[in-house]
Protein backbone atom coordinates (compact mmCIF):
# COMPACT_ATOMS: atom_id res chain seq x y z
CA UNK A 1 -5.51 -7.93 -13.01
CA UNK A 2 -5.00 -7.61 -8.98
CA UNK A 3 -8.10 -6.75 -6.97
CA UNK A 4 -7.01 -3.63 -5.05
CA UNK A 5 -8.83 -3.93 -1.65
CA UNK A 6 -8.14 -2.28 1.91
CA UNK A 7 -5.59 -4.86 3.02
CA UNK A 8 -3.40 -4.80 -0.20
CA UNK A 9 -3.33 -0.72 0.16
CA UNK A 10 -2.43 -1.10 3.67
CA UNK A 11 0.35 -3.43 2.92
CA UNK A 12 1.54 -1.17 -0.04
CA UNK A 13 1.74 1.80 2.18
CA UNK A 14 3.54 0.06 5.00
CA UNK A 15 5.98 -0.80 2.37
CA UNK A 16 6.33 2.49 1.14
CA UNK A 17 7.07 3.82 4.50
CA UNK A 18 9.86 1.62 5.05
CA UNK A 19 11.32 2.81 1.89
CA UNK A 20 10.73 6.34 2.73
CA UNK A 21 12.66 5.93 5.88
CA UNK A 22 15.38 4.29 4.50
CA UNK A 23 15.81 7.05 1.85
CA UNK A 24 15.80 9.65 4.55
CA UNK A 25 18.46 7.80 6.42
CA UNK A 26 20.40 7.83 3.10
CA UNK A 27 19.80 11.36 2.74
CA UNK A 28 18.63 10.87 -0.76
CA UNK A 29 15.92 13.69 -1.20
CA UNK A 30 14.83 12.77 -4.65
CA UNK A 31 13.65 9.35 -4.01
CA UNK A 32 12.25 10.56 -0.59
CA UNK A 33 10.14 13.34 -2.63
CA UNK A 34 8.89 10.63 -5.06
CA UNK A 35 7.99 8.20 -2.50
CA UNK A 36 5.93 10.65 -0.73
CA UNK A 37 4.00 11.56 -3.57
CA UNK A 38 3.06 7.98 -4.21
CA UNK A 39 2.24 7.57 -0.48
CA UNK A 40 -0.22 10.39 -0.80
CA UNK A 41 -1.82 9.18 -3.58
CA UNK A 42 -2.40 5.56 -1.91
CA UNK A 43 -3.75 7.11 1.15
CA UNK A 44 -6.26 9.01 -1.03
CA UNK A 45 -7.08 5.92 -2.60
CA UNK A 46 -7.55 3.97 0.81
CA UNK A 47 -9.76 6.93 1.97
CA UNK A 48 -12.22 6.55 -0.95
CA UNK A 49 -12.60 2.72 -0.22
């Protein structure tokens, strides 16, 4: 199992931010909404580390 550390979470958050901006430019609201939910979850995990 992959070890979840601070650098790993930051990398995932950055990748997700890119995907959110791409979906916003494509006006795909459903994908944007789901990705923002996931982003919120990842940032919470990062705060608890």
